């Protein structure tokens, strides 16, 4: 259960980072020295990479499995 909660929290973090990056982009339109949008992109990429790594880990270990009727193993 901890894995699913962590993945959801990382997804929320990615969405928040996306929103903050948009806000920084719109606020810093005339300022060419500002790197806040770049930093928000770095945070978003890091969170997305962590989330993908956790998803792959969950699928590899079998923690994230489908219990749908059409996915039953015979």
PDB file of N, CA and C in Angstrom:
ATOM      1  N   UNK A   1       0.811  -1.191   0.000  1.00  0.00           N
ATOM      2  CA  UNK A   1       0.000   0.000   0.000  1.00  0.00           C
ATOM      3  C   UNK A   1       0.860   1.263   0.000  1.00  0.00           C
ATOM      4  N   UNK A   2       2.048   1.177   0.617  1.00  0.00           N
ATOM      5  CA  UNK A   2       2.934   2.336   0.683  1.00  0.00           C
ATOM      6  C   UNK A   2       3.386   2.753  -0.702  1.00  0.00           C
ATOM      7  N   UNK A   3       3.524   1.808  -1.599  1.00  0.00           N
ATOM      8  CA  UNK A   3       3.989   2.114  -2.948  1.00  0.00           C
ATOM      9  C   UNK A   3       2.944   2.922  -3.710  1.00  0.00           C
ATOM     10  N   UNK A   4       1.703   2.552  -3.598  1.00  0.00           N
ATOM     11  CA  UNK A   4       0.636   3.278  -4.291  1.00  0.00           C
ATOM     12  C   UNK A   4       0.495   4.695  -3.751  1.00  0.00           C
ATOM     13  N   UNK A   5       0.616   4.854  -2.445  1.00  0.00           N
ATOM     14  CA  UNK A   5       0.521   6.181  -1.841  1.00  0.00           C
ATOM     15  C   UNK A   5       1.686   7.055  -2.304  1.00  0.00           C
ATOM     16  N   UNK A   6       2.880   6.485  -2.352  1.00  0.00           N
ATOM     17  CA  UNK A   6       4.050   7.227  -2.803  1.00  0.00           C
ATOM     18  C   UNK A   6       3.913   7.652  -4.262  1.00  0.00           C
ATOM     19  N   UNK A   7       3.391   6.770  -5.099  1.00  0.00           N
ATOM     20  CA  UNK A   7       3.207   7.094  -6.517  1.00  0.00           C
ATOM     21  C   UNK A   7       2.190   8.217  -6.676  1.00  0.00           C
ATOM     22  N   UNK A   8       1.109   8.177  -5.916  1.00  0.00           N
ATOM     23  CA  UNK A   8       0.096   9.238  -5.994  1.00  0.00           C
ATOM     24  C   UNK A   8       0.679  10.565  -5.506  1.00  0.00           C
ATOM     25  N   UNK A   9       1.466  10.543  -4.432  1.00  0.00           N
ATOM     26  CA  UNK A   9       2.087  11.769  -3.938  1.00  0.00           C
ATOM     27  C   UNK A   9       3.072  12.345  -4.956  1.00  0.00           C
ATOM     28  N   UNK A  10       3.826  11.484  -5.627  1.00  0.00           N
ATOM     29  CA  UNK A  10       4.734  11.957  -6.664  1.00  0.00           C
ATOM     30  C   UNK A  10       3.966  12.545  -7.840  1.00  0.00           C
ATOM     31  N   UNK A  11       2.838  11.951  -8.195  1.00  0.00           N
ATOM     32  CA  UNK A  11       2.014  12.495  -9.270  1.00  0.00           C
ATOM     33  C   UNK A  11       1.481  13.878  -8.907  1.00  0.00           C
ATOM     34  N   UNK A  12       1.048  14.034  -7.676  1.00  0.00           N
ATOM     35  CA  UNK A  12       0.588  15.351  -7.214  1.00  0.00           C
ATOM     36  C   UNK A  12       1.744  16.351  -7.257  1.00  0.00           C
ATOM     37  N   UNK A  13       2.934  15.916  -6.868  1.00  0.00           N
ATOM     38  CA  UNK A  13       4.111  16.787  -6.934  1.00  0.00           C
ATOM     39  C   UNK A  13       4.448  17.205  -8.352  1.00  0.00           C
ATOM     40  N   UNK A  14       4.300  16.290  -9.309  1.00  0.00           N
ATOM     41  CA  UNK A  14       4.557  16.622 -10.707  1.00  0.00           C
ATOM     42  C   UNK A  14       3.561  17.662 -11.200  1.00  0.00           C
ATOM     43  N   UNK A  15       2.308  17.501 -10.853  1.00  0.00           N
ATOM     44  CA  UNK A  15       1.284  18.464 -11.284  1.00  0.00           C
ATOM     45  C   UNK A  15       1.529  19.829 -10.641  1.00  0.00           C
ATOM     46  N   UNK A  16       1.887  19.854  -9.366  1.00  0.00           N
ATOM     47  CA  UNK A  16       2.187  21.123  -8.699  1.00  0.00           C
ATOM     48  C   UNK A  16       3.411  21.793  -9.307  1.00  0.00           C
ATOM     49  N   UNK A  17       4.415  21.012  -9.642  1.00  0.00           N
ATOM     50  CA  UNK A  17       5.607  21.561 -10.279  1.00  0.00           C
ATOM     51  C   UNK A  17       5.284  22.103 -11.664  1.00  0.00           C
ATOM     52  N   UNK A  18       4.393  21.433 -12.363  1.00  0.00           N
ATOM     53  CA  UNK A  18       3.963  21.929 -13.669  1.00  0.00           C
ATOM     54  C   UNK A  18       3.259  23.275 -13.527  1.00  0.00           C
ATOM     55  N   UNK A  19       2.397  23.391 -12.547  1.00  0.00           N
ATOM     56  CA  UNK A  19       1.700  24.657 -12.312  1.00  0.00           C
ATOM     57  C   UNK A  19       2.643  25.775 -11.890  1.00  0.00           C
ATOM     58  N   UNK A  20       3.601  25.456 -11.022  1.00  0.00           N
ATOM     59  CA  UNK A  20       4.542  26.492 -10.596  1.00  0.00           C
ATOM     60  C   UNK A  20       5.439  26.909 -11.753  1.00  0.00           C
ATOM     61  N   UNK A  21       5.811  25.979 -12.612  1.00  0.00           N
ATOM     62  CA  UNK A  21       6.609  26.327 -13.784  1.00  0.00           C
ATOM     63  C   UNK A  21       5.858  27.259 -14.722  1.00  0.00           C
ATOM     64  N   UNK A  22       4.568  27.017 -14.901  1.00  0.00           N
ATOM     65  CA  UNK A  22       3.756  27.903 -15.730  1.00  0.00           C
ATOM     66  C   UNK A  22       3.652  29.286 -15.103  1.00  0.00           C
ATOM     67  N   UNK A  23       3.465  29.323 -13.787  1.00  0.00           N
ATOM     68  CA  UNK A  23       3.379  30.613 -13.097  1.00  0.00           C
ATOM     69  C   UNK A  23       4.688  31.385 -13.214  1.00  0.00           C
ATOM     70  N   UNK A  24       5.823  30.687 -13.041  1.00  0.00           N
ATOM     71  CA  UNK A  24       7.118  31.346 -13.174  1.00  0.00           C
ATOM     72  C   UNK A  24       7.343  31.830 -14.600  1.00  0.00           C
ATOM     73  N   UNK A  25       6.915  31.046 -15.576  1.00  0.00           N
ATOM     74  CA  UNK A  25       7.077  31.432 -16.972  1.00  0.00           C
ATOM     75  C   UNK A  25       6.299  32.705 -17.283  1.00  0.00           C
ATOM     76  N   UNK A  26       5.084  32.794 -16.774  1.00  0.00           N
ATOM     77  CA  UNK A  26       4.264  33.965 -17.047  1.00  0.00           C
ATOM     78  C   UNK A  26       4.731  35.194 -16.258  1.00  0.00           C
ATOM     79  N   UNK A  27       5.232  35.003 -15.038  1.00  0.00           N
ATOM     80  CA  UNK A  27       5.694  36.128 -14.228  1.00  0.00           C
ATOM     81  C   UNK A  27       7.018  36.691 -14.726  1.00  0.00           C
ATOM     82  N   UNK A  28       7.885  35.822 -15.240  1.00  0.00           N
ATOM     83  CA  UNK A  28       9.238  36.223 -15.624  1.00  0.00           C
ATOM     84  C   UNK A  28       9.372  36.402 -17.131  1.00  0.00           C
ATOM     85  N   UNK A  29       8.339  36.875 -17.792  1.00  0.00           N
ATOM     86  CA  UNK A  29       8.389  37.032 -19.249  1.00  0.00           C
ATOM     87  C   UNK A  29       9.476  37.999 -19.690  1.00  0.00           C
ATOM     88  N   UNK A  30       9.636  39.114 -19.037  1.00  0.00           N
ATOM     89  CA  UNK A  30      10.614  40.104 -19.455  1.00  0.00           C
ATOM     90  C   UNK A  30      11.990  39.927 -18.847  1.00  0.00           C
ATOM     91  N   UNK A  31      12.131  39.053 -17.872  1.00  0.00           N
ATOM     92  CA  UNK A  31      13.400  38.872 -17.166  1.00  0.00           C
ATOM     93  C   UNK A  31      14.131  37.681 -17.781  1.00  0.00           C
ATOM     94  N   UNK A  32      15.247  37.967 -18.453  1.00  0.00           N
ATOM     95  CA  UNK A  32      15.966  36.875 -19.119  1.00  0.00           C
ATOM     96  C   UNK A  32      16.925  36.152 -18.174  1.00  0.00           C
ATOM     97  N   UNK A  33      17.234  36.747 -17.028  1.00  0.00           N
ATOM     98  CA  UNK A  33      18.191  36.125 -16.099  1.00  0.00           C
ATOM     99  C   UNK A  33      17.531  35.131 -15.147  1.00  0.00           C
ATOM    100  N   UNK A  34      16.218  35.099 -15.112  1.00  0.00           N
ATOM    101  CA  UNK A  34      15.517  34.248 -14.159  1.00  0.00           C
ATOM    102  C   UNK A  34      15.588  32.789 -14.591  1.00  0.00           C
ATOM    103  N   UNK A  35      15.926  31.931 -13.647  1.00  0.00           N
ATOM    104  CA  UNK A  35      16.043  30.494 -13.923  1.00  0.00           C
ATOM    105  C   UNK A  35      15.001  29.682 -13.168  1.00  0.00           C
ATOM    106  N   UNK A  36      13.959  30.356 -12.673  1.00  0.00           N
ATOM    107  CA  UNK A  36      12.952  29.644 -11.879  1.00  0.00           C
ATOM    108  C   UNK A  36      12.189  28.622 -12.717  1.00  0.00           C
ATOM    109  N   UNK A  37      11.907  28.938 -13.973  1.00  0.00           N
ATOM    110  CA  UNK A  37      11.209  27.985 -14.840  1.00  0.00           C
ATOM    111  C   UNK A  37      12.083  26.759 -15.086  1.00  0.00           C
ATOM    112  N   UNK A  38      13.369  26.982 -15.268  1.00  0.00           N
ATOM    113  CA  UNK A  38      14.304  25.878 -15.482  1.00  0.00           C
ATOM    114  C   UNK A  38      14.384  24.980 -14.245  1.00  0.00           C
ATOM    115  N   UNK A  39      14.400  25.581 -13.082  1.00  0.00           N
ATOM    116  CA  UNK A  39      14.445  24.796 -11.846  1.00  0.00           C
ATOM    117  C   UNK A  39      13.155  23.997 -11.649  1.00  0.00           C
ATOM    118  N   UNK A  40      12.024  24.594 -11.998  1.00  0.00           N
ATOM    119  CA  UNK A  40      10.754  23.870 -11.904  1.00  0.00           C
ATOM    120  C   UNK A  40      10.741  22.684 -12.861  1.00  0.00           C
ATOM    121  N   UNK A  41      11.325  22.857 -14.042  1.00  0.00           N
ATOM    122  CA  UNK A  41      11.440  21.750 -14.993  1.00  0.00           C
ATOM    123  C   UNK A  41      12.318  20.642 -14.429  1.00  0.00           C
ATOM    124  N   UNK A  42      13.417  21.014 -13.793  1.00  0.00           N
ATOM    125  CA  UNK A  42      14.302  20.013 -13.183  1.00  0.00           C
ATOM    126  C   UNK A  42      13.611  19.232 -12.083  1.00  0.00           C
ATOM    127  N   UNK A  43      12.837  19.928 -11.269  1.00  0.00           N
ATOM    128  CA  UNK A  43      12.090  19.253 -10.203  1.00  0.00           C
ATOM    129  C   UNK A  43      11.061  18.302 -10.809  1.00  0.00           C
ATOM    130  N   UNK A  44      10.378  18.754 -11.854  1.00  0.00           N
ATOM    131  CA  UNK A  44       9.352  17.923 -12.486  1.00  0.00           C
ATOM    132  C   UNK A  44       9.964  16.680 -13.119  1.00  0.00           C
ATOM    133  N   UNK A  45      11.095  16.817 -13.771  1.00  0.00           N
ATOM    134  CA  UNK A  45      11.757  15.664 -14.380  1.00  0.00           C
ATOM    135  C   UNK A  45      12.217  14.683 -13.313  1.00  0.00           C
ATOM    136  N   UNK A  46      12.759  15.200 -12.218  1.00  0.00           N
ATOM    137  CA  UNK A  46      13.210  14.328 -11.130  1.00  0.00           C
ATOM    138  C   UNK A  46      12.044  13.557 -10.515  1.00  0.00           C
ATOM    139  N   UNK A  47      10.941  14.253 -10.245  1.00  0.00           N
ATOM    140  CA  UNK A  47       9.776  13.581  -9.662  1.00  0.00           C
ATOM    141  C   UNK A  47       9.189  12.552 -10.622  1.00  0.00           C
ATOM    142  N   UNK A  48       9.147  12.879 -11.912  1.00  0.00           N
ATOM    143  CA  UNK A  48       8.610  11.939 -12.895  1.00  0.00           C
ATOM    144  C   UNK A  48       9.506  10.713 -13.017  1.00  0.00           C
ATOM    145  N   UNK A  49      10.830  10.899 -12.967  1.00  0.00           N
ATOM    146  CA  UNK A  49      11.748   9.760 -13.039  1.00  0.00           C
ATOM    147  C   UNK A  49      11.600   8.869 -11.814  1.00  0.00           C
ATOM    148  N   UNK A  50      11.447   9.474 -10.645  1.00  0.00           N
ATOM    149  CA  UNK A  50      11.225   8.685  -9.432  1.00  0.00           C
ATOM    150  C   UNK A  50       9.916   7.909  -9.513  1.00  0.00           C
ATOM    151  N   UNK A  51       8.877   8.562 -10.022  1.00  0.00           N
ATOM    152  CA  UNK A  51       7.580   7.903 -10.137  1.00  0.00           C
ATOM    153  C   UNK A  51       7.653   6.732 -11.115  1.00  0.00           C
ATOM    154  N   UNK A  52       8.310   6.928 -12.252  1.00  0.00           N
ATOM    155  CA  UNK A  52       8.436   5.829 -13.211  1.00  0.00           C
ATOM    156  C   UNK A  52       9.265   4.686 -12.641  1.00  0.00           C
ATOM    157  N   UNK A  53      10.308   5.021 -11.899  1.00  0.00           N
ATOM    158  CA  UNK A  53      11.116   3.988 -11.260  1.00  0.00           C
ATOM    159  C   UNK A  53      10.305   3.177 -10.259  1.00  0.00           C
ATOM    160  N   UNK A  54       9.470   3.844  -9.477  1.00  0.00           N
ATOM    161  CA  UNK A  54       8.629   3.127  -8.514  1.00  0.00           C
ATOM    162  C   UNK A  54       7.579   2.264  -9.214  1.00  0.00           C
ATOM    163  N   UNK A  55       7.047   2.747 -10.328  1.00  0.00           N
ATOM    164  CA  UNK A  55       6.074   1.950 -11.074  1.00  0.00           C
ATOM    165  C   UNK A  55       6.748   0.701 -11.637  1.00  0.00           C
ATOM    166  N   UNK A  56       7.930   0.862 -12.216  1.00  0.00           N
ATOM    167  CA  UNK A  56       8.648  -0.302 -12.736  1.00  0.00           C
ATOM    168  C   UNK A  56       9.007  -1.277 -11.621  1.00  0.00           C
ATOM    169  N   UNK A  57       9.415  -0.748 -10.458  1.00  0.00           N
ATOM    170  CA  UNK A  57       9.718  -1.605  -9.318  1.00  0.00           C
ATOM    171  C   UNK A  57       8.475  -2.377  -8.870  1.00  0.00           C
ATOM    172  N   UNK A  58       7.353  -1.690  -8.803  1.00  0.00           N
ATOM    173  CA  UNK A  58       6.110  -2.336  -8.380  1.00  0.00           C
ATOM    174  C   UNK A  58       5.654  -3.404  -9.356  1.00  0.00           C
ATOM    175  N   UNK A  59       5.816  -3.149 -10.641  1.00  0.00           N
ATOM    176  CA  UNK A  59       5.441  -4.159 -11.632  1.00  0.00           C
ATOM    177  C   UNK A  59       6.406  -5.342 -11.611  1.00  0.00           C
ATOM    178  N   UNK A  60       7.703  -5.073 -11.425  1.00  0.00           N
ATOM    179  CA  UNK A  60       8.699  -6.134 -11.412  1.00  0.00           C
ATOM    180  C   UNK A  60       8.541  -7.051 -10.205  1.00  0.00           C
ATOM    181  N   UNK A  61       8.245  -6.465  -9.047  1.00  0.00           N
ATOM    182  CA  UNK A  61       8.113  -7.273  -7.842  1.00  0.00           C
ATOM    183  C   UNK A  61       6.724  -7.876  -7.676  1.00  0.00           C
ATOM    184  N   UNK A  62       5.758  -7.395  -8.455  1.00  0.00           N
ATOM    185  CA  UNK A  62       4.410  -7.929  -8.367  1.00  0.00           C
ATOM    186  C   UNK A  62       3.521  -7.200  -7.381  1.00  0.00           C
ATOM    187  N   UNK A  63       4.005  -6.108  -6.812  1.00  0.00           N
ATOM    188  CA  UNK A  63       3.184  -5.345  -5.875  1.00  0.00           C
ATOM    189  C   UNK A  63       2.045  -4.658  -6.615  1.00  0.00           C
ATOM    190  N   UNK A  64       2.335  -4.130  -7.789  1.00  0.00           N
ATOM    191  CA  UNK A  64       1.317  -3.478  -8.614  1.00  0.00           C
ATOM    192  C   UNK A  64       0.834  -4.483  -9.657  1.00  0.00           C
ATOM    193  N   UNK A  65      -0.147  -5.228  -9.316  1.00  0.00           N
ATOM    194  CA  UNK A  65      -0.699  -6.199 -10.250  1.00  0.00           C
ATOM    195  C   UNK A  65      -2.161  -5.883 -10.501  1.00  0.00           C
ATOM    196  N   UNK A  66      -2.629  -6.333 -11.633  1.00  0.00           N
ATOM    197  CA  UNK A  66      -4.030  -6.126 -11.978  1.00  0.00           C
ATOM    198  C   UNK A  66      -4.851  -7.291 -11.445  1.00  0.00           C
ATOM    199  N   UNK A  67      -5.994  -6.975 -10.871  1.00  0.00           N
ATOM    200  CA  UNK A  67      -6.888  -8.013 -10.388  1.00  0.00           C
ATOM    201  C   UNK A  67      -8.167  -8.054 -11.213  1.00  0.00           C
ATOM    202  N   UNK A  68      -8.084  -7.551 -12.441  1.00  0.00           N
ATOM    203  CA  UNK A  68      -9.231  -7.563 -13.325  1.00  0.00           C
ATOM    204  C   UNK A  68      -9.499  -9.003 -13.791  1.00  0.00           C
ATOM    205  N   UNK A  69     -10.740  -9.333 -14.064  1.00  0.00           N
ATOM    206  CA  UNK A  69     -11.076 -10.702 -14.468  1.00  0.00           C
ATOM    207  C   UNK A  69     -10.378 -11.147 -15.759  1.00  0.00           C
ATOM    208  N   UNK A  70     -10.109 -10.227 -16.657  1.00  0.00           N
ATOM    209  CA  UNK A  70      -9.480 -10.618 -17.922  1.00  0.00           C
ATOM    210  C   UNK A  70      -7.964 -10.755 -17.797  1.00  0.00           C
ATOM    211  N   UNK A  71      -7.399 -10.406 -16.635  1.00  0.00           N
ATOM    212  CA  UNK A  71      -5.972 -10.551 -16.412  1.00  0.00           C
ATOM    213  C   UNK A  71      -5.615 -11.743 -15.536  1.00  0.00           C
ATOM    214  N   UNK A  72      -6.547 -12.626 -15.270  1.00  0.00           N
ATOM    215  CA  UNK A  72      -6.242 -13.760 -14.399  1.00  0.00           C
ATOM    216  C   UNK A  72      -5.305 -14.719 -15.092  1.00  0.00           C
ATOM    217  N   UNK A  73      -4.397 -15.231 -14.347  1.00  0.00           N
ATOM    218  CA  UNK A  73      -3.407 -16.183 -14.875  1.00  0.00           C
ATOM    219  C   UNK A  73      -3.978 -17.601 -14.766  1.00  0.00           C
ATOM    220  N   UNK A  74      -3.783 -18.360 -15.786  1.00  0.00           N
ATOM    221  CA  UNK A  74      -4.310 -19.736 -15.782  1.00  0.00           C
ATOM    222  C   UNK A  74      -3.232 -20.706 -15.372  1.00  0.00           C
TER     223      UNK A  74
END
